[in-house]
C-alpha atoms as a PDB file:
ATOM      1  CA  UNK A   1     -69.099  70.466-100.036  1.00  0.00           C
ATOM      2  CA  UNK A   2     -69.398  66.736 -99.242  1.00  0.00           C
ATOM      3  CA  UNK A   3     -72.364  65.434 -97.392  1.00  0.00           C
ATOM      4  CA  UNK A   4     -71.957  62.968 -94.526  1.00  0.00           C
ATOM      5  CA  UNK A   5     -73.474  60.200 -96.701  1.00  0.00           C
ATOM      6  CA  UNK A   6     -70.959  60.719 -99.453  1.00  0.00           C
ATOM      7  CA  UNK A   7     -68.037  60.352 -97.108  1.00  0.00           C
ATOM      8  CA  UNK A   8     -69.339  57.344 -95.355  1.00  0.00           C
ATOM      9  CA  UNK A   9     -67.930  54.736 -97.768  1.00  0.00           C
ATOM     10  CA  UNK A  10     -64.411  56.251 -97.083  1.00  0.00           C
ATOM     11  CA  UNK A  11     -64.931  56.194 -93.415  1.00  0.00           C
ATOM     12  CA  UNK A  12     -66.207  52.655 -93.491  1.00  0.00           C
ATOM     13  CA  UNK A  13     -63.232  51.444 -95.516  1.00  0.00           C
ATOM     14  CA  UNK A  14     -60.774  53.221 -93.084  1.00  0.00           C
ATOM     15  CA  UNK A  15     -62.613  51.687 -90.142  1.00  0.00           C
ATOM     16  CA  UNK A  16     -62.300  48.134 -91.605  1.00  0.00           C
ATOM     17  CA  UNK A  17     -58.654  48.832 -92.365  1.00  0.00           C
ATOM     18  CA  UNK A  18     -57.855  49.915 -88.793  1.00  0.00           C
ATOM     19  CA  UNK A  19     -59.887  47.111 -87.398  1.00  0.00           C
ATOM     20  CA  UNK A  20     -57.895  44.633 -89.486  1.00  0.00           C
ATOM     21  CA  UNK A  21     -54.618  46.240 -88.402  1.00  0.00           C
ATOM     22  CA  UNK A  22     -55.766  45.955 -84.813  1.00  0.00           C
ATOM     23  CA  UNK A  23     -56.759  42.301 -85.144  1.00  0.00           C
ATOM     24  CA  UNK A  24     -53.779  41.218 -87.268  1.00  0.00           C
ATOM     25  CA  UNK A  25     -51.375  40.410 -84.301  1.00  0.00           C
ATOM     26  CA  UNK A  26     -54.079  38.227 -82.631  1.00  0.00           C
ATOM     27  CA  UNK A  27     -54.877  36.532 -85.963  1.00  0.00           C
ATOM     28  CA  UNK A  28     -51.210  35.868 -86.642  1.00  0.00           C
ATOM     29  CA  UNK A  29     -50.626  34.465 -83.197  1.00  0.00           C
ATOM     30  CA  UNK A  30     -53.630  32.203 -83.541  1.00  0.00           C
ATOM     31  CA  UNK A  31     -52.405  30.682 -86.784  1.00  0.00           C
ATOM     32  CA  UNK A  32     -48.827  30.422 -85.524  1.00  0.00           C
ATOM     33  CA  UNK A  33     -50.156  28.496 -82.532  1.00  0.00           C
ATOM     34  CA  UNK A  34     -52.159  26.254 -84.818  1.00  0.00           C
ATOM     35  CA  UNK A  35     -48.998  25.429 -86.883  1.00  0.00           C
ATOM     36  CA  UNK A  36     -47.167  24.724 -83.648  1.00  0.00           C
ATOM     37  CA  UNK A  37     -49.885  22.333 -82.458  1.00  0.00           C
ATOM     38  CA  UNK A  38     -49.663  20.406 -85.736  1.00  0.00           C
ATOM     39  CA  UNK A  39     -46.013  19.729 -84.867  1.00  0.00           C
ATOM     40  CA  UNK A  40     -46.152  19.724 -81.100  1.00  0.00           C
ATOM     41  CA  UNK A  41     -45.831  15.923 -80.785  1.00  0.00           C
ATOM     42  CA  UNK A  42     -42.579  16.001 -82.857  1.00  0.00           C
ATOM     43  CA  UNK A  43     -40.695  18.576 -80.783  1.00  0.00           C
ATOM     44  CA  UNK A  44     -39.120  16.095 -78.384  1.00  0.00           C
ATOM     45  CA  UNK A  45     -39.145  13.072 -80.641  1.00  0.00           C
ATOM     46  CA  UNK A  46     -37.921  14.516 -83.929  1.00  0.00           C
ATOM     47  CA  UNK A  47     -37.014  18.157 -83.974  1.00  0.00           C
ATOM     48  CA  UNK A  48     -34.694  18.243 -81.067  1.00  0.00           C
ATOM     49  CA  UNK A  49     -32.972  14.879 -81.727  1.00  0.00           C
ATOM     50  CA  UNK A  50     -32.640  15.265 -85.543  1.00  0.00           C
ATOM     51  CA  UNK A  51     -31.279  18.844 -85.006  1.00  0.00           C
ATOM     52  CA  UNK A  52     -28.586  17.399 -82.771  1.00  0.00           C
ATOM     53  CA  UNK A  53     -27.873  14.648 -85.332  1.00  0.00           C
ATOM     54  CA  UNK A  54     -27.773  17.016 -88.322  1.00  0.00           C
ATOM     55  CA  UNK A  55     -25.867  19.876 -86.786  1.00  0.00           C
ATOM     56  CA  UNK A  56     -23.451  17.380 -85.081  1.00  0.00           C
ATOM     57  CA  UNK A  57     -22.892  15.744 -88.409  1.00  0.00           C
ATOM     58  CA  UNK A  58     -22.318  18.885 -90.443  1.00  0.00           C
ATOM     59  CA  UNK A  59     -18.885  20.277 -90.875  1.00  0.00           C
ATOM     60  CA  UNK A  60     -18.451  23.085 -88.361  1.00  0.00           C
ATOM     61  CA  UNK A  61     -19.172  26.482 -89.878  1.00  0.00           C
ATOM     62  CA  UNK A  62     -16.989  28.858 -87.836  1.00  0.00           C
ATOM     63  CA  UNK A  63     -18.110  32.020 -89.726  1.00  0.00           C
ATOM     64  CA  UNK A  64     -21.857  31.710 -89.049  1.00  0.00           C
ATOM     65  CA  UNK A  65     -22.448  28.712 -86.746  1.00  0.00           C
ATOM     66  CA  UNK A  66     -25.629  30.076 -84.969  1.00  0.00           C
ATOM     67  CA  UNK A  67     -27.169  31.420 -88.123  1.00  0.00           C
ATOM     68  CA  UNK A  68     -26.725  28.172 -90.003  1.00  0.00           C
ATOM     69  CA  UNK A  69     -27.982  26.057 -87.166  1.00  0.00           C
ATOM     70  CA  UNK A  70     -31.103  28.232 -86.777  1.00  0.00           C
ATOM     71  CA  UNK A  71     -31.724  27.965 -90.399  1.00  0.00           C
ATOM     72  CA  UNK A  72     -31.364  24.170 -90.307  1.00  0.00           C
ATOM     73  CA  UNK A  73     -33.790  23.933 -87.374  1.00  0.00           C
ATOM     74  CA  UNK A  74     -36.315  26.243 -89.128  1.00  0.00           C
ATOM     75  CA  UNK A  75     -36.154  24.135 -92.366  1.00  0.00           C
ATOM     76  CA  UNK A  76     -36.628  20.969 -90.362  1.00  0.00           C
ATOM     77  CA  UNK A  77     -39.721  22.406 -88.634  1.00  0.00           C
ATOM     78  CA  UNK A  78     -41.222  23.561 -91.885  1.00  0.00           C
ATOM     79  CA  UNK A  79     -40.814  20.147 -93.563  1.00  0.00           C
ATOM     80  CA  UNK A  80     -42.248  18.457 -90.450  1.00  0.00           C
ATOM     81  CA  UNK A  81     -45.257  20.880 -90.627  1.00  0.00           C
ATOM     82  CA  UNK A  82     -45.802  19.545 -94.169  1.00  0.00           C
ATOM     83  CA  UNK A  83     -45.575  16.021 -92.951  1.00  0.00           C
ATOM     84  CA  UNK A  84     -47.999  16.500 -89.962  1.00  0.00           C
ATOM     85  CA  UNK A  85     -50.484  18.300 -92.304  1.00  0.00           C
ATOM     86  CA  UNK A  86     -50.346  15.151 -94.451  1.00  0.00           C
ATOM     87  CA  UNK A  87     -50.545  12.797 -91.411  1.00  0.00           C
ATOM     88  CA  UNK A  88     -53.383  14.590 -89.651  1.00  0.00           C
ATOM     89  CA  UNK A  89     -55.533  15.187 -92.702  1.00  0.00           C
ATOM     90  CA  UNK A  90     -55.237  11.552 -93.770  1.00  0.00           C
ATOM     91  CA  UNK A  91     -56.571  10.110 -90.422  1.00  0.00           C
ATOM     92  CA  UNK A  92     -58.438  12.885 -88.508  1.00  0.00           C
ATOM     93  CA  UNK A  93     -60.737  10.332 -86.798  1.00  0.00           C
ATOM     94  CA  UNK A  94     -57.708   8.790 -85.108  1.00  0.00           C
ATOM     95  CA  UNK A  95     -56.749  12.156 -83.574  1.00  0.00           C
ATOM     96  CA  UNK A  96     -60.228  12.727 -82.398  1.00  0.00           C
ATOM     97  CA  UNK A  97     -59.917   9.907 -79.985  1.00  0.00           C
ATOM     98  CA  UNK A  98     -56.235   9.861 -79.104  1.00  0.00           C
ATOM     99  CA  UNK A  99     -55.114  13.567 -79.408  1.00  0.00           C
ATOM    100  CA  UNK A 100     -58.202  15.788 -79.347  1.00  0.00           C
ATOM    101  CA  UNK A 101     -55.962  18.916 -78.760  1.00  0.00           C
ATOM    102  CA  UNK A 102     -54.623  18.745 -82.344  1.00  0.00           C
ATOM    103  CA  UNK A 103     -55.973  21.522 -84.594  1.00  0.00           C
ATOM    104  CA  UNK A 104     -58.431  19.559 -86.631  1.00  0.00           C
ATOM    105  CA  UNK A 105     -60.319  17.708 -83.828  1.00  0.00           C
ATOM    106  CA  UNK A 106     -60.051  20.831 -81.626  1.00  0.00           C
ATOM    107  CA  UNK A 107     -61.810  22.864 -84.355  1.00  0.00           C
ATOM    108  CA  UNK A 108     -58.990  25.381 -84.807  1.00  0.00           C
ATOM    109  CA  UNK A 109     -58.967  24.581 -88.549  1.00  0.00           C
ATOM    110  CA  UNK A 110     -61.419  22.730 -90.808  1.00  0.00           C
ATOM    111  CA  UNK A 111     -60.365  19.466 -92.518  1.00  0.00           C
ATOM    112  CA  UNK A 112     -60.847  21.309 -95.892  1.00  0.00           C
ATOM    113  CA  UNK A 113     -58.589  24.131 -94.945  1.00  0.00           C
ATOM    114  CA  UNK A 114     -55.956  21.787 -93.602  1.00  0.00           C
ATOM    115  CA  UNK A 115     -55.915  19.885 -96.860  1.00  0.00           C
ATOM    116  CA  UNK A 116     -55.468  23.089 -98.717  1.00  0.00           C
ATOM    117  CA  UNK A 117     -52.655  24.114 -96.397  1.00  0.00           C
ATOM    118  CA  UNK A 118     -50.981  20.770 -96.974  1.00  0.00           C
ATOM    119  CA  UNK A 119     -51.111  21.246-100.732  1.00  0.00           C
ATOM    120  CA  UNK A 120     -49.555  24.725-100.291  1.00  0.00           C
ATOM    121  CA  UNK A 121     -46.885  23.434 -98.023  1.00  0.00           C
ATOM    122  CA  UNK A 122     -45.474  21.079-100.611  1.00  0.00           C
ATOM    123  CA  UNK A 123     -44.211  23.773-103.178  1.00  0.00           C
ATOM    124  CA  UNK A 124     -43.448  26.140-100.192  1.00  0.00           C
ATOM    125  CA  UNK A 125     -41.067  23.553 -98.682  1.00  0.00           C
ATOM    126  CA  UNK A 126     -39.547  22.928-102.083  1.00  0.00           C
ATOM    127  CA  UNK A 127     -38.967  26.603-102.702  1.00  0.00           C
ATOM    128  CA  UNK A 128     -37.407  27.051 -99.256  1.00  0.00           C
ATOM    129  CA  UNK A 129     -35.153  24.021 -99.838  1.00  0.00           C
ATOM    130  CA  UNK A 130     -34.003  25.318-103.232  1.00  0.00           C
ATOM    131  CA  UNK A 131     -33.210  28.593-101.579  1.00  0.00           C
ATOM    132  CA  UNK A 132     -30.517  26.834 -99.467  1.00  0.00           C
ATOM    133  CA  UNK A 133     -29.178  24.471-102.306  1.00  0.00           C
ATOM    134  CA  UNK A 134     -30.249  22.020-104.940  1.00  0.00           C
ATOM    135  CA  UNK A 135     -29.015  19.170-102.619  1.00  0.00           C
ATOM    136  CA  UNK A 136     -31.451  20.291 -99.845  1.00  0.00           C
ATOM    137  CA  UNK A 137     -34.188  20.420-102.535  1.00  0.00           C
ATOM    138  CA  UNK A 138     -33.415  16.773-103.331  1.00  0.00           C
ATOM    139  CA  UNK A 139     -33.698  15.725 -99.708  1.00  0.00           C
ATOM    140  CA  UNK A 140     -36.988  17.637 -99.419  1.00  0.00           C
ATOM    141  CA  UNK A 141     -38.436  16.073-102.518  1.00  0.00           C
ATOM    142  CA  UNK A 142     -37.330  12.544-101.576  1.00  0.00           C
ATOM    143  CA  UNK A 143     -38.912  13.122 -98.092  1.00  0.00           C
ATOM    144  CA  UNK A 144     -42.144  14.206 -99.723  1.00  0.00           C
ATOM    145  CA  UNK A 145     -42.016  11.122-101.955  1.00  0.00           C
ATOM    146  CA  UNK A 146     -41.567   8.733 -98.996  1.00  0.00           C
ATOM    147  CA  UNK A 147     -44.225  10.581 -97.029  1.00  0.00           C
ATOM    148  CA  UNK A 148     -46.676  10.063 -99.934  1.00  0.00           C
ATOM    149  CA  UNK A 149     -45.880   6.397-100.097  1.00  0.00           C
ATOM    150  CA  UNK A 150     -46.447   6.188 -96.279  1.00  0.00           C
ATOM    151  CA  UNK A 151     -49.845   8.166 -96.213  1.00  0.00           C
ATOM    152  CA  UNK A 152     -51.293   8.073 -99.682  1.00  0.00           C
ATOM    153  CA  UNK A 153     -50.346   4.544-100.883  1.00  0.00           C
ATOM    154  CA  UNK A 154     -50.990   2.644 -97.623  1.00  0.00           C
ATOM    155  CA  UNK A 155     -47.319   2.206 -96.738  1.00  0.00           C
ATOM    156  CA  UNK A 156     -48.201   2.865 -93.108  1.00  0.00           C
ATOM    157  CA  UNK A 157     -50.651  -0.028 -93.043  1.00  0.00           C
ATOM    158  CA  UNK A 158     -47.824  -2.607 -93.303  1.00  0.00           C
ATOM    159  CA  UNK A 159     -45.499  -2.667 -90.297  1.00  0.00           C
ATOM    160  CA  UNK A 160     -42.362  -3.558 -92.259  1.00  0.00           C
ATOM    161  CA  UNK A 161     -42.971  -1.123 -95.019  1.00  0.00           C
ATOM    162  CA  UNK A 162     -43.705   1.581 -92.392  1.00  0.00           C
ATOM    163  CA  UNK A 163     -40.332   0.962 -90.734  1.00  0.00           C
ATOM    164  CA  UNK A 164     -38.487   1.123 -94.008  1.00  0.00           C
ATOM    165  CA  UNK A 165     -40.215   4.337 -95.102  1.00  0.00           C
ATOM    166  CA  UNK A 166     -39.644   5.842 -91.663  1.00  0.00           C
ATOM    167  CA  UNK A 167     -36.055   5.085 -91.996  1.00  0.00           C
ATOM    168  CA  UNK A 168     -35.816   6.828 -95.411  1.00  0.00           C
ATOM    169  CA  UNK A 169     -37.859   9.735 -94.018  1.00  0.00           C
ATOM    170  CA  UNK A 170     -35.659  10.309 -90.979  1.00  0.00           C
ATOM    171  CA  UNK A 171     -32.537  10.173 -93.098  1.00  0.00           C
ATOM    172  CA  UNK A 172     -33.880  12.797 -95.538  1.00  0.00           C
ATOM    173  CA  UNK A 173     -34.661  15.042 -92.609  1.00  0.00           C
ATOM    174  CA  UNK A 174     -31.199  14.572 -91.106  1.00  0.00           C
ATOM    175  CA  UNK A 175     -29.593  14.982 -94.522  1.00  0.00           C
ATOM    176  CA  UNK A 176     -31.296  18.320 -95.225  1.00  0.00           C
ATOM    177  CA  UNK A 177     -30.504  19.591 -91.622  1.00  0.00           C
ATOM    178  CA  UNK A 178     -26.899  18.555 -92.125  1.00  0.00           C
ATOM    179  CA  UNK A 179     -26.536  20.251 -95.478  1.00  0.00           C
ATOM    180  CA  UNK A 180     -28.003  23.548 -94.214  1.00  0.00           C
ATOM    181  CA  UNK A 181     -26.037  23.522 -91.017  1.00  0.00           C
ATOM    182  CA  UNK A 182     -22.716  22.982 -92.958  1.00  0.00           C
ATOM    183  CA  UNK A 183     -20.553  25.945 -93.918  1.00  0.00           C
ATOM    184  CA  UNK A 184     -20.112  25.234 -97.544  1.00  0.00           C
ATOM    185  CA  UNK A 185     -23.432  24.086 -98.955  1.00  0.00           C
ATOM    186  CA  UNK A 186     -22.493  23.900-102.655  1.00  0.00           C
ATOM    187  CA  UNK A 187     -18.706  23.066-102.865  1.00  0.00           C
ATOM    188  CA  UNK A 188     -19.143  19.976-105.094  1.00  0.00           C
ATOM    189  CA  UNK A 189     -21.528  18.795-107.833  1.00  0.00           C
ATOM    190  CA  UNK A 190     -24.910  17.504-106.794  1.00  0.00           C
ATOM    191  CA  UNK A 191     -23.894  13.910-107.052  1.00  0.00           C
ATOM    192  CA  UNK A 192     -20.724  14.374-105.187  1.00  0.00           C
ATOM    193  CA  UNK A 193     -22.517  16.406-102.429  1.00  0.00           C
ATOM    194  CA  UNK A 194     -25.129  13.710-101.974  1.00  0.00           C
ATOM    195  CA  UNK A 195     -22.830  10.645-102.150  1.00  0.00           C
ATOM    196  CA  UNK A 196     -23.607   8.355 -99.120  1.00  0.00           C
ATOM    197  CA  UNK A 197     -19.906   8.046 -98.278  1.00  0.00           C
ATOM    198  CA  UNK A 198     -20.015  11.805 -97.222  1.00  0.00           C
ATOM    199  CA  UNK A 199     -22.501  10.876 -94.511  1.00  0.00           C
ATOM    200  CA  UNK A 200     -21.337   7.728 -92.681  1.00  0.00           C
ATOM    201  CA  UNK A 201     -23.095   8.657 -89.593  1.00  0.00           C
ATOM    202  CA  UNK A 202     -26.434   8.928 -91.336  1.00  0.00           C
ATOM    203  CA  UNK A 203     -25.812   5.535 -92.995  1.00  0.00           C
ATOM    204  CA  UNK A 204     -25.299   3.908 -89.638  1.00  0.00           C
ATOM    205  CA  UNK A 205     -28.355   5.782 -88.280  1.00  0.00           C
ATOM    206  CA  UNK A 206     -30.606   4.515 -91.152  1.00  0.00           C
ATOM    207  CA  UNK A 207     -30.040   0.862 -90.098  1.00  0.00           C
ATOM    208  CA  UNK A 208     -30.664   1.809 -86.483  1.00  0.00           C
ATOM    209  CA  UNK A 209     -33.986   3.339 -87.432  1.00  0.00           C
ATOM    210  CA  UNK A 210     -35.365   0.697 -89.808  1.00  0.00           C
ATOM    211  CA  UNK A 211     -34.619  -2.062 -87.216  1.00  0.00           C
ATOM    212  CA  UNK A 212     -35.963  -0.312 -84.061  1.00  0.00           C
ATOM    213  CA  UNK A 213     -38.393   2.446 -85.081  1.00  0.00           C
ATOM    214  CA  UNK A 214     -41.314   0.183 -84.158  1.00  0.00           C
ATOM    215  CA  UNK A 215     -40.601   1.671 -80.778  1.00  0.00           C
ATOM    216  CA  UNK A 216     -42.982   4.362 -81.620  1.00  0.00           C
ATOM    217  CA  UNK A 217     -45.939   1.938 -82.363  1.00  0.00           C
ATOM    218  CA  UNK A 218     -46.258   0.368 -78.946  1.00  0.00           C
ATOM    219  CA  UNK A 219     -48.103   3.274 -77.490  1.00  0.00           C
ATOM    220  CA  UNK A 220     -50.563   3.492 -80.461  1.00  0.00           C
ATOM    221  CA  UNK A 221     -51.645  -0.184 -80.933  1.00  0.00           C
ATOM    222  CA  UNK A 222     -55.349   0.582 -80.171  1.00  0.00           C
ATOM    223  CA  UNK A 223     -55.544   3.653 -82.461  1.00  0.00           C
ATOM    224  CA  UNK A 224     -53.725   1.857 -85.257  1.00  0.00           C
ATOM    225  CA  UNK A 225     -56.104  -1.118 -84.990  1.00  0.00           C
ATOM    226  CA  UNK A 226     -59.015   1.304 -85.334  1.00  0.00           C
ATOM    227  CA  UNK A 227     -57.713   2.852 -88.605  1.00  0.00           C
ATOM    228  CA  UNK A 228     -56.640  -0.418 -90.125  1.00  0.00           C
ATOM    229  CA  UNK A 229     -52.903  -0.311 -89.663  1.00  0.00           C
ATOM    230  CA  UNK A 230     -50.957  -3.405 -88.966  1.00  0.00           C
ATOM    231  CA  UNK A 231     -47.752  -2.341 -87.263  1.00  0.00           C
ATOM    232  CA  UNK A 232     -44.962  -4.611 -86.152  1.00  0.00           C
ATOM    233  CA  UNK A 233     -46.127  -4.634 -82.456  1.00  0.00           C
ATOM    234  CA  UNK A 234     -49.534  -5.899 -83.785  1.00  0.00           C
ATOM    235  CA  UNK A 235     -47.943  -8.478 -86.251  1.00  0.00           C
ATOM    236  CA  UNK A 236     -45.409  -9.744 -83.704  1.00  0.00           C
ATOM    237  CA  UNK A 237     -46.523  -8.561 -80.259  1.00  0.00           C
ATOM    238  CA  UNK A 238     -44.106 -10.484 -78.207  1.00  0.00           C
ATOM    239  CA  UNK A 239     -41.165 -10.677 -80.632  1.00  0.00           C
ATOM    240  CA  UNK A 240     -41.292  -6.904 -81.193  1.00  0.00           C
ATOM    241  CA  UNK A 241     -40.977  -6.457 -77.401  1.00  0.00           C
ATOM    242  CA  UNK A 242     -38.229  -8.936 -76.980  1.00  0.00           C
ATOM    243  CA  UNK A 243     -36.280  -7.315 -79.920  1.00  0.00           C
ATOM    244  CA  UNK A 244     -35.830  -3.990 -78.004  1.00  0.00           C
ATOM    245  CA  UNK A 245     -33.403  -5.134 -75.227  1.00  0.00           C
ATOM    246  CA  UNK A 246     -31.474  -7.024 -78.040  1.00  0.00           C
ATOM    247  CA  UNK A 247     -31.333  -4.527 -80.837  1.00  0.00           C
ATOM    248  CA  UNK A 248     -30.786  -1.307 -78.890  1.00  0.00           C
ATOM    249  CA  UNK A 249     -27.765  -2.613 -76.963  1.00  0.00           C
ATOM    250  CA  UNK A 250     -26.497  -4.224 -80.191  1.00  0.00           C
ATOM    251  CA  UNK A 251     -26.445  -0.951 -82.134  1.00  0.00           C
ATOM    252  CA  UNK A 252     -25.053   0.886 -79.071  1.00  0.00           C
ATOM    253  CA  UNK A 253     -22.116  -1.504 -79.068  1.00  0.00           C
ATOM    254  CA  UNK A 254     -21.508  -0.983 -82.791  1.00  0.00           C
ATOM    255  CA  UNK A 255     -21.610   2.724 -82.349  1.00  0.00           C
ATOM    256  CA  UNK A 256     -19.238   2.638 -79.247  1.00  0.00           C
ATOM    257  CA  UNK A 257     -16.876   0.567 -81.438  1.00  0.00           C
ATOM    258  CA  UNK A 258     -16.814   3.103 -84.217  1.00  0.00           C
ATOM    259  CA  UNK A 259     -16.691   6.102 -81.838  1.00  0.00           C
ATOM    260  CA  UNK A 260     -14.075   4.645 -79.468  1.00  0.00           C
ATOM    261  CA  UNK A 261     -15.159   7.003 -76.733  1.00  0.00           C
ATOM    262  CA  UNK A 262     -13.728   6.910 -73.091  1.00  0.00           C
ATOM    263  CA  UNK A 263     -14.604   3.674 -71.572  1.00  0.00           C
ATOM    264  CA  UNK A 264     -16.901   5.165 -68.929  1.00  0.00           C
ATOM    265  CA  UNK A 265     -18.875   7.156 -71.428  1.00  0.00           C
ATOM    266  CA  UNK A 266     -19.246   4.029 -73.707  1.00  0.00           C
ATOM    267  CA  UNK A 267     -20.352   1.900 -70.815  1.00  0.00           C
ATOM    268  CA  UNK A 268     -23.055   4.470 -69.822  1.00  0.00           C
ATOM    269  CA  UNK A 269     -24.245   4.725 -73.361  1.00  0.00           C
ATOM    270  CA  UNK A 270     -24.643   0.910 -73.706  1.00  0.00           C
ATOM    271  CA  UNK A 271     -26.205   0.534 -70.226  1.00  0.00           C
ATOM    272  CA  UNK A 272     -28.667   3.347 -71.038  1.00  0.00           C
ATOM    273  CA  UNK A 273     -29.729   1.487 -74.212  1.00  0.00           C
ATOM    274  CA  UNK A 274     -30.212  -1.724 -72.162  1.00  0.00           C
ATOM    275  CA  UNK A 275     -32.451  -0.002 -69.666  1.00  0.00           C
ATOM    276  CA  UNK A 276     -34.595   1.413 -72.372  1.00  0.00           C
ATOM    277  CA  UNK A 277     -34.832  -1.905 -74.115  1.00  0.00           C
ATOM    278  CA  UNK A 278     -35.932  -3.630 -70.960  1.00  0.00           C
ATOM    279  CA  UNK A 279     -38.473  -0.862 -70.296  1.00  0.00           C
ATOM    280  CA  UNK A 280     -40.158  -1.783 -73.584  1.00  0.00           C
ATOM    281  CA  UNK A 281     -40.165  -5.417 -72.689  1.00  0.00           C
ATOM    282  CA  UNK A 282     -41.359  -5.175 -68.996  1.00  0.00           C
ATOM    283  CA  UNK A 283     -43.388  -1.941 -68.847  1.00  0.00           C
ATOM    284  CA  UNK A 284     -46.307  -2.148 -71.292  1.00  0.00           C
ATOM    285  CA  UNK A 285     -48.918   0.433 -70.296  1.00  0.00           C
ATOM    286  CA  UNK A 286     -49.589   3.256 -72.813  1.00  0.00           C
ATOM    287  CA  UNK A 287     -48.060   5.920 -70.637  1.00  0.00           C
ATOM    288  CA  UNK A 288     -44.990   3.830 -69.922  1.00  0.00           C
ATOM    289  CA  UNK A 289     -44.505   3.197 -73.628  1.00  0.00           C
ATOM    290  CA  UNK A 290     -44.695   6.962 -74.267  1.00  0.00           C
ATOM    291  CA  UNK A 291     -41.866   7.541 -71.797  1.00  0.00           C
ATOM    292  CA  UNK A 292     -39.880   4.637 -73.226  1.00  0.00           C
ATOM    293  CA  UNK A 293     -40.268   6.077 -76.682  1.00  0.00           C
ATOM    294  CA  UNK A 294     -39.017   9.463 -75.586  1.00  0.00           C
ATOM    295  CA  UNK A 295     -36.011   7.789 -73.937  1.00  0.00           C
ATOM    296  CA  UNK A 296     -35.478   5.790 -77.104  1.00  0.00           C
ATOM    297  CA  UNK A 297     -35.137   9.041 -79.127  1.00  0.00           C
ATOM    298  CA  UNK A 298     -32.659  10.372 -76.502  1.00  0.00           C
ATOM    299  CA  UNK A 299     -30.580   7.215 -76.871  1.00  0.00           C
ATOM    300  CA  UNK A 300     -30.836   6.941 -80.640  1.00  0.00           C
ATOM    301  CA  UNK A 301     -29.812  10.532 -81.307  1.00  0.00           C
ATOM    302  CA  UNK A 302     -27.343  11.144 -78.437  1.00  0.00           C
ATOM    303  CA  UNK A 303     -24.554   9.630 -80.565  1.00  0.00           C
ATOM    304  CA  UNK A 304     -23.981  13.214 -81.876  1.00  0.00           C
ATOM    305  CA  UNK A 305     -22.523  14.791 -78.765  1.00  0.00           C
ATOM    306  CA  UNK A 306     -19.103  16.037 -79.759  1.00  0.00           C
ATOM    307  CA  UNK A 307     -16.971  14.161 -77.121  1.00  0.00           C
ATOM    308  CA  UNK A 308     -18.769  10.970 -77.974  1.00  0.00           C
ATOM    309  CA  UNK A 309     -18.153  11.256 -81.690  1.00  0.00           C
ATOM    310  CA  UNK A 310     -14.597  12.539 -81.625  1.00  0.00           C
ATOM    311  CA  UNK A 311     -13.314   9.406 -83.310  1.00  0.00           C
ATOM    312  CA  UNK A 312     -16.413   8.427 -85.300  1.00  0.00           C
ATOM    313  CA  UNK A 313     -15.575   9.600 -88.808  1.00  0.00           C
ATOM    314  CA  UNK A 314     -11.896   8.702 -88.637  1.00  0.00           C
ATOM    315  CA  UNK A 315     -12.688   5.091 -87.705  1.00  0.00           C
ATOM    316  CA  UNK A 316     -15.302   4.812 -90.396  1.00  0.00           C
ATOM    317  CA  UNK A 317     -12.624   6.140 -92.914  1.00  0.00           C
ATOM    318  CA  UNK A 318     -10.300   3.451 -91.841  1.00  0.00           C
ATOM    319  CA  UNK A 319     -13.005   0.892 -92.222  1.00  0.00           C
ATOM    320  CA  UNK A 320     -13.363   1.983 -95.846  1.00  0.00           C
ATOM    321  CA  UNK A 321     -16.495   4.155 -95.636  1.00  0.00           C
ATOM    322  CA  UNK A 322     -14.782   7.107 -97.257  1.00  0.00           C
END
């Protein structure tokens, strides 16, 4: 017959197991919220607009449109989580002053554990991308490469290099999202699948980004100065402001020409870009720049609404892009 003392280790193990089972949902919710907080700033400015761009660019998948779209958004969020882990572990002191709600300054996760999570996220994103297709893996690896140049090799400290790297980064995100959202992910060879002529919209978008993405830096001038970055609004404070009401309408006119939408819709699109451009020029407080940057993203990515893009690809084909 067992004595109470002989059965206590088993009872203790069972107690710990049931305690773990009881606390698991709370622990899981806590860590999921931490992951969300790493990417919270990018929901409106990257995840939503790039999803619209990528899914709108992809050939329509009539058999599984919802499933493919959700997979594309999930992939985009996971890759952005990797990017934010890299960004926020490379300059935690900046977030402590500007965004104290982020996980590291808020104490939800230590800097050491966040660095470990970032290292794990790199192969995890690569494996997830390979699950979808080799072409998606290429877009993920290239994004990781440009991200490393941006954060680990001081690419972010030069305003012009930062704009170029941001352009490549945005395009890799949009490319991966487009490939996953499409119906036939591996119909051609890798080189044929990734040929730039298959994605004329993304090609145009790349030039829009590299010439105007300094829109995101107006609101962060003080924080960038503290960490030693030298962004375009710091190098060319007035010229960078003046460029916005010039470049945004310029690209809008180009896109309208390529899309050939109804005259009213095209006029609204161009007028909206002009309003945003003049906001950057005339409204210079940090909060005003934050709103202007949000509107910039709406304008830059709204080219993917179906009615607007009905004639985009055919006109690019006639211009020799495919």
